[in-house]
N, C-alpha and C. Protein backbone atom coordinates (compact mmCIF):
# COMPACT_ATOMS: atom_id res chain seq x y z
N MET A 1 63.71 85.37 105.23
CA MET A 1 65.14 85.67 104.93
C MET A 1 65.40 86.96 105.61
N ASN A 2 66.70 87.27 106.08
CA ASN A 2 67.06 88.47 106.98
C ASN A 2 67.80 89.31 105.97
N ASN A 3 67.69 90.52 105.94
CA ASN A 3 68.57 91.55 105.15
C ASN A 3 69.52 92.06 105.95
N ILE A 4 70.68 92.34 105.47
CA ILE A 4 71.73 93.00 106.01
C ILE A 4 71.42 94.62 105.71
N PRO A 5 71.35 95.51 106.75
CA PRO A 5 71.17 96.92 106.31
C PRO A 5 72.39 97.42 105.68
N VAL A 6 72.11 98.43 104.91
CA VAL A 6 73.17 99.06 104.07
C VAL A 6 73.14 100.63 104.81
N ASN A 7 74.19 101.16 105.15
CA ASN A 7 74.18 102.43 105.89
C ASN A 7 75.07 103.55 105.10
N CYS A 8 74.70 104.66 104.86
CA CYS A 8 75.47 105.54 104.15
C CYS A 8 75.18 106.82 104.81
N TYR A 9 76.06 107.19 105.94
CA TYR A 9 75.96 108.31 106.74
C TYR A 9 77.27 108.81 106.84
N GLY A 10 78.26 108.54 106.08
CA GLY A 10 79.67 109.06 106.31
C GLY A 10 80.35 109.44 104.85
N VAL A 11 81.52 109.94 105.02
CA VAL A 11 82.31 110.38 103.85
C VAL A 11 83.68 110.00 104.04
N ALA A 12 84.45 109.79 103.07
CA ALA A 12 85.99 109.61 103.05
C ALA A 12 86.48 110.61 102.21
N GLY A 13 87.77 111.11 102.51
CA GLY A 13 88.47 112.04 101.71
C GLY A 13 89.95 111.86 101.77
N VAL A 14 90.64 111.65 100.39
CA VAL A 14 91.80 111.41 100.18
C VAL A 14 92.51 112.84 99.90
N VAL A 15 93.30 113.28 100.69
CA VAL A 15 94.05 114.61 100.39
C VAL A 15 95.34 114.43 99.76
N LEU A 16 95.64 115.29 98.74
CA LEU A 16 96.67 115.25 97.90
C LEU A 16 97.40 116.54 97.83
N LYS A 17 98.82 116.33 97.92
CA LYS A 17 99.48 117.50 97.87
C LYS A 17 100.87 117.46 97.11
N ARG A 18 101.27 118.32 96.56
CA ARG A 18 102.49 118.17 95.63
C ARG A 18 103.76 118.44 96.44
N PHE A 19 104.64 117.70 96.31
CA PHE A 19 106.03 117.62 96.87
C PHE A 19 106.97 117.55 95.68
N ASN A 20 107.79 118.63 95.42
CA ASN A 20 108.89 118.49 94.31
C ASN A 20 108.27 117.93 93.00
N GLY A 21 106.92 118.37 92.59
CA GLY A 21 106.36 117.91 91.36
C GLY A 21 105.70 116.55 91.51
N GLU A 22 105.66 115.84 92.73
CA GLU A 22 105.04 114.48 92.78
C GLU A 22 103.93 114.82 93.79
N TYR A 23 102.75 114.20 93.42
CA TYR A 23 101.61 114.16 94.44
C TYR A 23 101.99 112.89 95.59
N LYS A 24 101.61 113.41 96.69
CA LYS A 24 101.59 112.51 97.92
C LYS A 24 100.20 112.55 98.40
N VAL A 25 100.07 111.40 99.21
CA VAL A 25 98.77 111.20 99.92
C VAL A 25 98.84 111.24 101.23
N LEU A 26 98.08 112.11 102.02
CA LEU A 26 97.96 112.21 103.40
C LEU A 26 97.33 110.94 104.14
N LEU A 27 98.16 110.46 104.95
CA LEU A 27 97.85 109.27 105.84
C LEU A 27 97.89 109.69 107.16
N LEU A 28 96.84 109.21 107.93
CA LEU A 28 96.55 109.49 109.41
C LEU A 28 96.74 108.12 110.12
N LYS A 29 97.18 108.21 111.46
CA LYS A 29 97.29 107.02 112.19
C LYS A 29 96.19 107.14 113.27
N ARG A 30 95.21 106.15 113.16
CA ARG A 30 94.21 106.35 114.35
C ARG A 30 94.55 106.23 115.63
N ALA A 31 94.15 107.15 116.51
CA ALA A 31 94.29 107.05 118.06
C ALA A 31 93.12 106.20 118.68
N GLU A 32 91.87 106.13 117.81
CA GLU A 32 90.85 105.56 118.12
C GLU A 32 90.48 104.31 117.42
N THR A 33 89.54 103.55 117.73
CA THR A 33 89.26 102.28 117.09
C THR A 33 89.10 102.48 115.46
N PRO A 34 89.88 101.56 114.66
CA PRO A 34 90.87 100.61 115.10
C PRO A 34 92.16 101.26 115.36
N SER A 35 92.53 101.52 116.62
CA SER A 35 93.60 102.23 116.77
C SER A 35 95.00 101.54 116.09
N GLY A 36 95.79 102.42 115.78
CA GLY A 36 97.19 102.09 115.25
C GLY A 36 97.15 101.77 113.79
N THR A 37 95.95 101.86 113.18
CA THR A 37 95.86 101.62 111.67
C THR A 37 95.95 102.95 110.83
N TRP A 38 96.51 103.03 109.68
CA TRP A 38 96.55 104.12 108.90
C TRP A 38 95.38 104.26 108.02
N CYS A 39 94.80 105.63 107.95
CA CYS A 39 93.59 105.84 107.04
C CYS A 39 93.75 107.22 106.44
N TYR A 40 92.75 107.38 105.67
CA TYR A 40 92.59 108.85 105.15
C TYR A 40 91.49 109.47 106.06
N VAL A 41 91.14 110.57 105.72
CA VAL A 41 90.04 111.27 106.47
C VAL A 41 88.94 110.59 106.28
N ALA A 42 88.06 110.48 107.32
CA ALA A 42 86.62 110.06 107.27
C ALA A 42 85.75 110.52 108.35
N GLY A 43 84.47 110.71 108.15
CA GLY A 43 83.63 110.96 109.18
C GLY A 43 82.34 111.05 108.72
N LYS A 44 81.22 111.37 109.78
CA LYS A 44 79.88 111.35 109.44
C LYS A 44 79.47 112.69 108.86
N ILE A 45 78.32 112.64 108.07
CA ILE A 45 77.62 113.56 107.57
C ILE A 45 76.64 114.21 108.64
N GLU A 46 76.78 115.48 109.08
CA GLU A 46 75.80 116.21 109.79
C GLU A 46 74.73 116.58 109.28
N SER A 47 73.43 116.86 109.90
CA SER A 47 72.30 117.25 109.60
C SER A 47 72.25 118.52 108.90
N GLY A 48 71.77 118.38 107.60
CA GLY A 48 71.67 119.40 106.77
C GLY A 48 72.84 119.65 105.83
N GLU A 49 73.83 118.75 105.92
CA GLU A 49 75.13 118.88 105.28
C GLU A 49 74.92 118.07 103.90
N LYS A 50 75.64 118.50 102.79
CA LYS A 50 75.82 117.70 101.67
C LYS A 50 77.00 116.87 101.95
N ALA A 51 77.38 115.73 101.33
CA ALA A 51 78.42 114.86 101.49
C ALA A 51 79.66 115.65 101.35
N TRP A 52 79.74 116.40 100.14
CA TRP A 52 81.00 117.16 99.93
C TRP A 52 81.32 118.21 101.11
N GLU A 53 80.24 118.77 101.60
CA GLU A 53 80.48 119.70 102.77
C GLU A 53 80.99 119.07 103.96
N ALA A 54 80.40 117.66 104.11
CA ALA A 54 81.06 117.06 105.28
C ALA A 54 82.64 116.67 105.16
N VAL A 55 82.86 116.36 104.03
CA VAL A 55 84.27 115.91 103.68
C VAL A 55 85.17 117.20 103.98
N VAL A 56 84.77 118.37 103.58
CA VAL A 56 85.61 119.51 103.73
C VAL A 56 85.58 119.86 105.23
N ARG A 57 84.55 119.65 106.05
CA ARG A 57 84.58 120.09 107.47
C ARG A 57 85.42 118.99 108.16
N GLU A 58 85.35 117.72 107.63
CA GLU A 58 86.22 116.67 108.53
C GLU A 58 87.52 116.92 108.10
N ILE A 59 88.07 117.15 106.79
CA ILE A 59 89.32 117.52 106.53
C ILE A 59 89.92 118.73 107.46
N LYS A 60 89.26 119.87 107.70
CA LYS A 60 89.44 120.83 108.59
C LYS A 60 89.60 120.34 109.97
N GLU A 61 88.75 119.58 110.33
CA GLU A 61 88.57 119.18 111.92
C GLU A 61 89.81 118.27 112.19
N GLU A 62 89.92 117.35 111.23
CA GLU A 62 91.06 116.31 111.67
C GLU A 62 92.41 116.65 111.33
N THR A 63 92.52 117.61 110.31
CA THR A 63 94.03 117.88 109.91
C THR A 63 94.41 119.38 110.00
N GLY A 64 93.31 120.29 110.16
CA GLY A 64 93.57 121.72 109.89
C GLY A 64 93.77 122.23 108.58
N LEU A 65 93.66 121.23 107.50
CA LEU A 65 93.88 121.79 106.15
C LEU A 65 92.57 122.24 105.44
N VAL A 66 92.68 123.17 104.61
CA VAL A 66 91.37 123.67 103.92
C VAL A 66 91.86 123.38 102.42
N PRO A 67 91.12 122.55 101.67
CA PRO A 67 91.42 122.20 100.35
C PRO A 67 91.20 123.44 99.34
N CYS A 68 91.92 123.39 98.40
CA CYS A 68 91.81 124.48 97.40
C CYS A 68 90.82 123.94 96.21
N GLU A 69 90.84 122.51 96.09
CA GLU A 69 89.77 122.00 95.09
C GLU A 69 89.41 120.77 95.73
N ILE A 70 88.10 120.36 95.39
CA ILE A 70 87.46 119.20 95.75
C ILE A 70 86.85 118.39 94.54
N TYR A 71 86.94 117.09 94.68
CA TYR A 71 86.52 116.24 93.33
C TYR A 71 85.60 115.13 94.10
N SER A 72 84.71 114.73 93.38
CA SER A 72 84.14 113.43 93.66
C SER A 72 85.15 112.35 93.33
N GLY A 73 85.44 111.34 94.04
CA GLY A 73 86.42 110.41 93.75
C GLY A 73 85.79 109.30 92.70
N ASP A 74 84.66 109.32 92.49
CA ASP A 74 83.85 108.40 91.53
C ASP A 74 84.08 107.01 91.99
N ILE A 75 84.04 106.94 93.38
CA ILE A 75 84.35 105.50 93.90
C ILE A 75 83.67 105.64 95.18
N CYS A 76 83.27 104.58 95.89
CA CYS A 76 82.76 104.55 97.28
C CYS A 76 83.54 103.43 98.09
N GLU A 77 83.83 103.89 99.43
CA GLU A 77 84.41 102.86 100.35
C GLU A 77 83.18 102.08 100.96
N GLN A 78 83.53 100.81 100.96
CA GLN A 78 82.32 100.09 101.63
C GLN A 78 83.02 98.84 102.37
N PHE A 79 82.40 98.54 103.47
CA PHE A 79 82.81 97.36 104.18
C PHE A 79 81.68 96.88 105.23
N TYR A 80 81.94 95.63 105.70
CA TYR A 80 80.98 94.98 106.74
C TYR A 80 81.29 95.42 108.00
N GLU A 81 80.34 95.94 108.79
CA GLU A 81 80.58 96.42 110.21
C GLU A 81 80.10 95.26 111.10
N ILE A 82 81.09 94.57 111.73
CA ILE A 82 80.74 93.43 112.39
C ILE A 82 80.06 93.74 113.64
N ARG A 83 80.08 94.79 114.36
CA ARG A 83 79.41 95.19 115.53
C ARG A 83 77.99 95.40 115.25
N LYS A 84 77.70 95.96 113.96
CA LYS A 84 76.40 96.51 113.68
C LYS A 84 75.63 95.54 112.67
N ASP A 85 76.34 94.49 112.25
CA ASP A 85 76.02 93.52 111.27
C ASP A 85 75.26 94.37 110.24
N SER A 86 75.86 95.22 109.63
CA SER A 86 75.58 96.07 108.32
C SER A 86 76.60 96.29 107.48
N ILE A 87 76.32 96.97 106.35
CA ILE A 87 77.32 97.28 105.39
C ILE A 87 77.39 98.86 105.32
N TRP A 88 78.67 99.26 105.66
CA TRP A 88 78.68 100.74 105.58
C TRP A 88 79.26 101.10 104.20
N ILE A 89 78.88 102.16 103.65
CA ILE A 89 79.16 102.77 102.30
C ILE A 89 79.40 104.28 102.39
N ALA A 90 80.39 104.78 101.74
CA ALA A 90 80.59 106.16 101.88
C ALA A 90 81.22 106.74 100.48
N PRO A 91 80.81 107.82 100.00
CA PRO A 91 81.40 108.27 98.85
C PRO A 91 82.72 108.90 99.21
N VAL A 92 83.70 108.64 98.30
CA VAL A 92 85.14 109.06 98.56
C VAL A 92 85.21 110.36 97.58
N PHE A 93 85.98 111.45 98.24
CA PHE A 93 86.21 112.65 97.69
C PHE A 93 87.80 112.65 97.57
N VAL A 94 88.19 113.63 96.59
CA VAL A 94 89.77 113.97 96.48
C VAL A 94 89.87 115.44 96.62
N ALA A 95 90.75 115.76 97.64
CA ALA A 95 90.97 117.21 98.05
C ALA A 95 92.32 117.40 97.69
N TYR A 96 92.53 118.54 97.01
CA TYR A 96 93.95 119.04 96.82
C TYR A 96 94.19 120.32 97.77
N VAL A 97 95.37 120.25 98.45
CA VAL A 97 95.87 121.31 99.34
C VAL A 97 97.12 121.96 98.68
N THR A 98 97.27 123.18 99.05
CA THR A 98 98.48 123.88 98.56
C THR A 98 99.57 123.78 99.45
N ASP A 99 100.85 124.04 98.85
CA ASP A 99 102.11 123.89 99.46
C ASP A 99 102.27 124.35 100.85
N GLU A 100 101.79 125.60 101.06
CA GLU A 100 102.02 126.22 102.33
C GLU A 100 101.44 125.79 103.45
N GLN A 101 100.26 124.98 103.37
CA GLN A 101 99.52 124.53 104.39
C GLN A 101 100.29 123.32 105.22
N ARG A 102 100.07 123.29 106.44
CA ARG A 102 100.56 122.38 107.32
C ARG A 102 99.66 121.76 108.19
N VAL A 103 99.79 120.35 108.43
CA VAL A 103 98.82 119.54 109.04
C VAL A 103 98.88 119.91 110.61
N THR A 104 97.74 119.88 111.18
CA THR A 104 97.48 120.05 112.67
C THR A 104 96.52 118.98 112.96
N LEU A 105 96.87 117.91 113.78
CA LEU A 105 96.18 116.80 114.11
C LEU A 105 95.15 117.22 115.29
N ASN A 106 93.77 116.63 115.06
CA ASN A 106 93.10 116.57 116.38
C ASN A 106 93.31 115.35 117.08
N GLU A 107 92.39 114.98 118.01
CA GLU A 107 92.69 113.98 119.01
C GLU A 107 92.20 112.61 118.23
N GLU A 108 91.80 112.53 117.20
CA GLU A 108 91.53 111.31 116.63
C GLU A 108 92.62 110.56 116.00
N HIS A 109 93.71 111.27 115.88
CA HIS A 109 94.75 110.64 115.16
C HIS A 109 96.10 111.16 115.99
N SER A 110 97.27 109.97 115.91
CA SER A 110 98.28 110.14 116.65
C SER A 110 99.47 110.62 115.89
N LYS A 111 99.47 110.22 114.51
CA LYS A 111 100.60 110.71 113.62
C LYS A 111 100.03 111.07 112.24
N TYR A 112 100.76 111.63 111.36
CA TYR A 112 100.58 111.78 110.00
C TYR A 112 101.70 111.53 109.17
N ARG A 113 101.58 111.13 107.78
CA ARG A 113 102.70 110.99 107.01
C ARG A 113 102.08 111.47 105.45
N TRP A 114 102.87 112.06 104.65
CA TRP A 114 102.58 112.32 103.21
C TRP A 114 103.39 111.27 102.67
N VAL A 115 102.74 110.32 101.94
CA VAL A 115 103.51 109.16 101.31
C VAL A 115 102.95 109.17 99.79
N SER A 116 103.92 108.26 99.08
CA SER A 116 103.45 107.99 97.77
C SER A 116 102.18 107.10 97.81
N PRO A 117 101.36 107.08 96.58
CA PRO A 117 100.33 106.14 96.50
C PRO A 117 100.85 104.75 96.76
N LYS A 118 101.81 104.20 96.39
CA LYS A 118 102.40 102.90 96.50
C LYS A 118 102.88 102.77 98.14
N GLU A 119 103.37 103.67 98.72
CA GLU A 119 103.75 103.68 100.12
C GLU A 119 102.40 103.42 100.91
N ALA A 120 101.43 104.28 100.54
CA ALA A 120 100.05 104.24 101.01
C ALA A 120 99.35 102.81 100.93
N VAL A 121 99.51 102.20 99.91
CA VAL A 121 98.90 100.87 99.82
C VAL A 121 99.60 99.86 100.70
N GLU A 122 100.99 100.03 100.81
CA GLU A 122 101.70 99.13 101.68
C GLU A 122 101.37 99.36 103.18
N MET A 123 100.88 100.57 103.55
CA MET A 123 100.64 100.94 105.00
C MET A 123 99.20 100.58 105.44
N PHE A 124 98.38 100.53 104.46
CA PHE A 124 97.08 100.16 104.85
C PHE A 124 96.64 98.60 105.29
N SER A 125 95.84 98.60 106.23
CA SER A 125 95.43 97.30 106.85
C SER A 125 94.17 96.68 106.10
N PHE A 126 93.56 97.45 105.26
CA PHE A 126 92.38 96.96 104.72
C PHE A 126 92.36 96.97 103.07
N ALA A 127 91.89 95.99 102.43
CA ALA A 127 91.84 95.86 100.93
C ALA A 127 91.22 96.87 100.25
N GLY A 128 89.85 97.26 100.97
CA GLY A 128 89.10 98.39 100.33
C GLY A 128 89.89 99.73 100.24
N GLN A 129 90.77 99.94 101.36
CA GLN A 129 91.60 101.23 101.11
C GLN A 129 92.61 101.30 100.16
N ARG A 130 93.17 100.06 99.84
CA ARG A 130 94.32 99.96 98.97
C ARG A 130 93.61 100.05 97.58
N LYS A 131 92.48 99.57 97.27
CA LYS A 131 91.73 99.61 96.01
C LYS A 131 91.30 101.13 95.75
N ILE A 132 90.90 101.96 96.83
CA ILE A 132 90.63 103.17 96.53
C ILE A 132 91.90 104.03 96.19
N ILE A 133 92.92 103.85 96.99
CA ILE A 133 94.20 104.53 96.36
C ILE A 133 94.76 104.10 95.11
N ASP A 134 94.60 102.91 94.82
CA ASP A 134 94.81 102.52 93.36
C ASP A 134 94.13 103.45 92.42
N HIS A 135 92.73 103.37 92.57
CA HIS A 135 91.91 104.19 91.82
C HIS A 135 92.17 105.76 91.77
N ILE A 136 92.53 106.28 92.87
CA ILE A 136 92.84 107.79 93.00
C ILE A 136 94.19 107.90 92.11
N GLU A 137 95.02 107.18 92.25
CA GLU A 137 96.44 107.23 91.60
C GLU A 137 96.07 107.29 90.23
N LYS A 138 95.28 106.27 89.65
CA LYS A 138 95.10 106.13 88.20
C LYS A 138 94.31 107.30 87.58
N GLU A 139 93.27 107.81 88.39
CA GLU A 139 92.36 108.66 87.84
C GLU A 139 92.53 110.26 88.28
N PHE A 140 93.39 110.39 89.34
CA PHE A 140 93.76 111.83 89.70
C PHE A 140 95.14 112.24 89.83
N ILE A 141 96.10 111.32 89.95
CA ILE A 141 97.39 111.45 89.74
C ILE A 141 98.14 111.35 88.44
N ASP A 142 97.86 110.07 87.87
CA ASP A 142 98.43 109.87 86.65
C ASP A 142 97.63 110.56 85.60
N ASN A 143 96.44 110.94 85.59
CA ASN A 143 95.60 111.54 84.58
C ASN A 143 94.91 112.77 85.27
N GLU A 144 94.55 113.75 84.36
CA GLU A 144 93.74 114.82 84.89
C GLU A 144 92.28 114.37 85.05
N PRO A 145 91.88 114.68 86.21
CA PRO A 145 90.25 114.27 86.31
C PRO A 145 89.38 114.92 85.48
N THR A 146 88.34 114.27 85.25
CA THR A 146 87.29 114.98 84.36
C THR A 146 86.52 115.90 85.13
N GLU A 147 86.18 117.01 84.40
CA GLU A 147 85.54 118.30 84.89
C GLU A 147 84.31 117.79 85.60
N TRP A 148 83.64 116.63 85.09
CA TRP A 148 82.36 116.22 85.52
C TRP A 148 82.39 115.88 87.15
N LEU A 149 83.62 115.63 87.68
CA LEU A 149 83.73 115.23 88.98
C LEU A 149 84.00 116.34 89.89
N HIS A 150 84.37 117.47 89.31
CA HIS A 150 84.78 118.72 90.08
C HIS A 150 83.57 119.30 90.78
N ILE A 151 83.75 119.57 92.11
CA ILE A 151 82.66 120.14 92.79
C ILE A 151 82.76 121.65 92.71
N LYS A 152 81.99 122.21 91.81
CA LYS A 152 82.22 123.59 91.46
C LYS A 152 81.54 124.43 92.64
N GLU A 153 80.56 123.92 93.20
CA GLU A 153 79.94 124.68 94.44
C GLU A 153 80.88 125.07 95.49
N TYR A 154 81.92 124.26 95.72
CA TYR A 154 82.97 124.53 96.67
C TYR A 154 83.75 125.73 96.45
N LYS A 155 83.77 126.73 97.22
CA LYS A 155 84.61 127.76 97.10
C LYS A 155 85.66 127.81 98.27
N ARG A 156 86.87 128.34 97.86
CA ARG A 156 87.90 128.29 98.80
C ARG A 156 87.51 129.00 100.09
N ASP A 157 86.65 129.92 99.99
CA ASP A 157 86.18 130.64 101.16
C ASP A 157 85.14 129.88 101.96
N TYR A 158 84.68 128.76 101.56
CA TYR A 158 83.81 127.98 102.31
C TYR A 158 83.97 127.81 103.78
N ILE A 159 85.12 127.77 104.15
CA ILE A 159 85.55 127.62 105.54
C ILE A 159 85.91 129.08 105.83
N HIS A 160 85.37 129.52 107.03
CA HIS A 160 85.80 130.85 107.49
C HIS A 160 87.29 131.11 107.58
N ASN A 161 87.65 132.16 107.04
CA ASN A 161 89.02 132.77 107.05
C ASN A 161 89.86 132.01 106.13
N ALA A 162 89.53 131.26 105.23
CA ALA A 162 90.40 130.47 104.39
C ALA A 162 90.86 131.55 103.31
N SER A 163 92.14 131.71 103.11
CA SER A 163 92.69 132.49 101.90
C SER A 163 93.80 131.78 101.32
N LEU A 164 93.45 131.05 100.11
CA LEU A 164 94.37 130.07 99.65
C LEU A 164 94.50 130.59 98.05
N LYS A 165 95.67 130.11 97.46
CA LYS A 165 96.01 130.16 96.14
C LYS A 165 95.67 128.82 95.66
N LYS A 166 95.35 128.89 94.21
CA LYS A 166 95.07 127.82 93.55
C LYS A 166 96.29 126.95 93.35
N VAL A 167 96.27 125.51 93.36
CA VAL A 167 97.30 124.71 93.26
C VAL A 167 98.09 124.98 91.85
């Protein structure tokens, strides 16, 4: 019997921002593989990083945004990687950003959009992404997230020169 390897070396981050009292989800259009698809922030955990530290770094690198609050999303993204014949699994985090922040994309993405959870579900190519957004809407938008998921170690000054107000 041959086992399929399970790899957990990355993170995913769903960024939320309030517009006129309604939370919107940040979607990014990939410039790289799979190019043209919409996604949320994702990336690898670097040596010595905790998973939540990696998602904060990835959000800053990919979008220029600095979260004011970070939560464990209480869900993992998972899918089968055809090229590697392995299962990829990553913890999902929810990041809230303040009104005054503006997106600055890096080279990994060609466009961005702030959309409702319903619009996000319609724009995604993969069922796993839709499932995650449905979960985030129910647990973090429609309801107040439990404090047990709040990453209290994260401080807004975690990233150099961040001076933000709480949402």
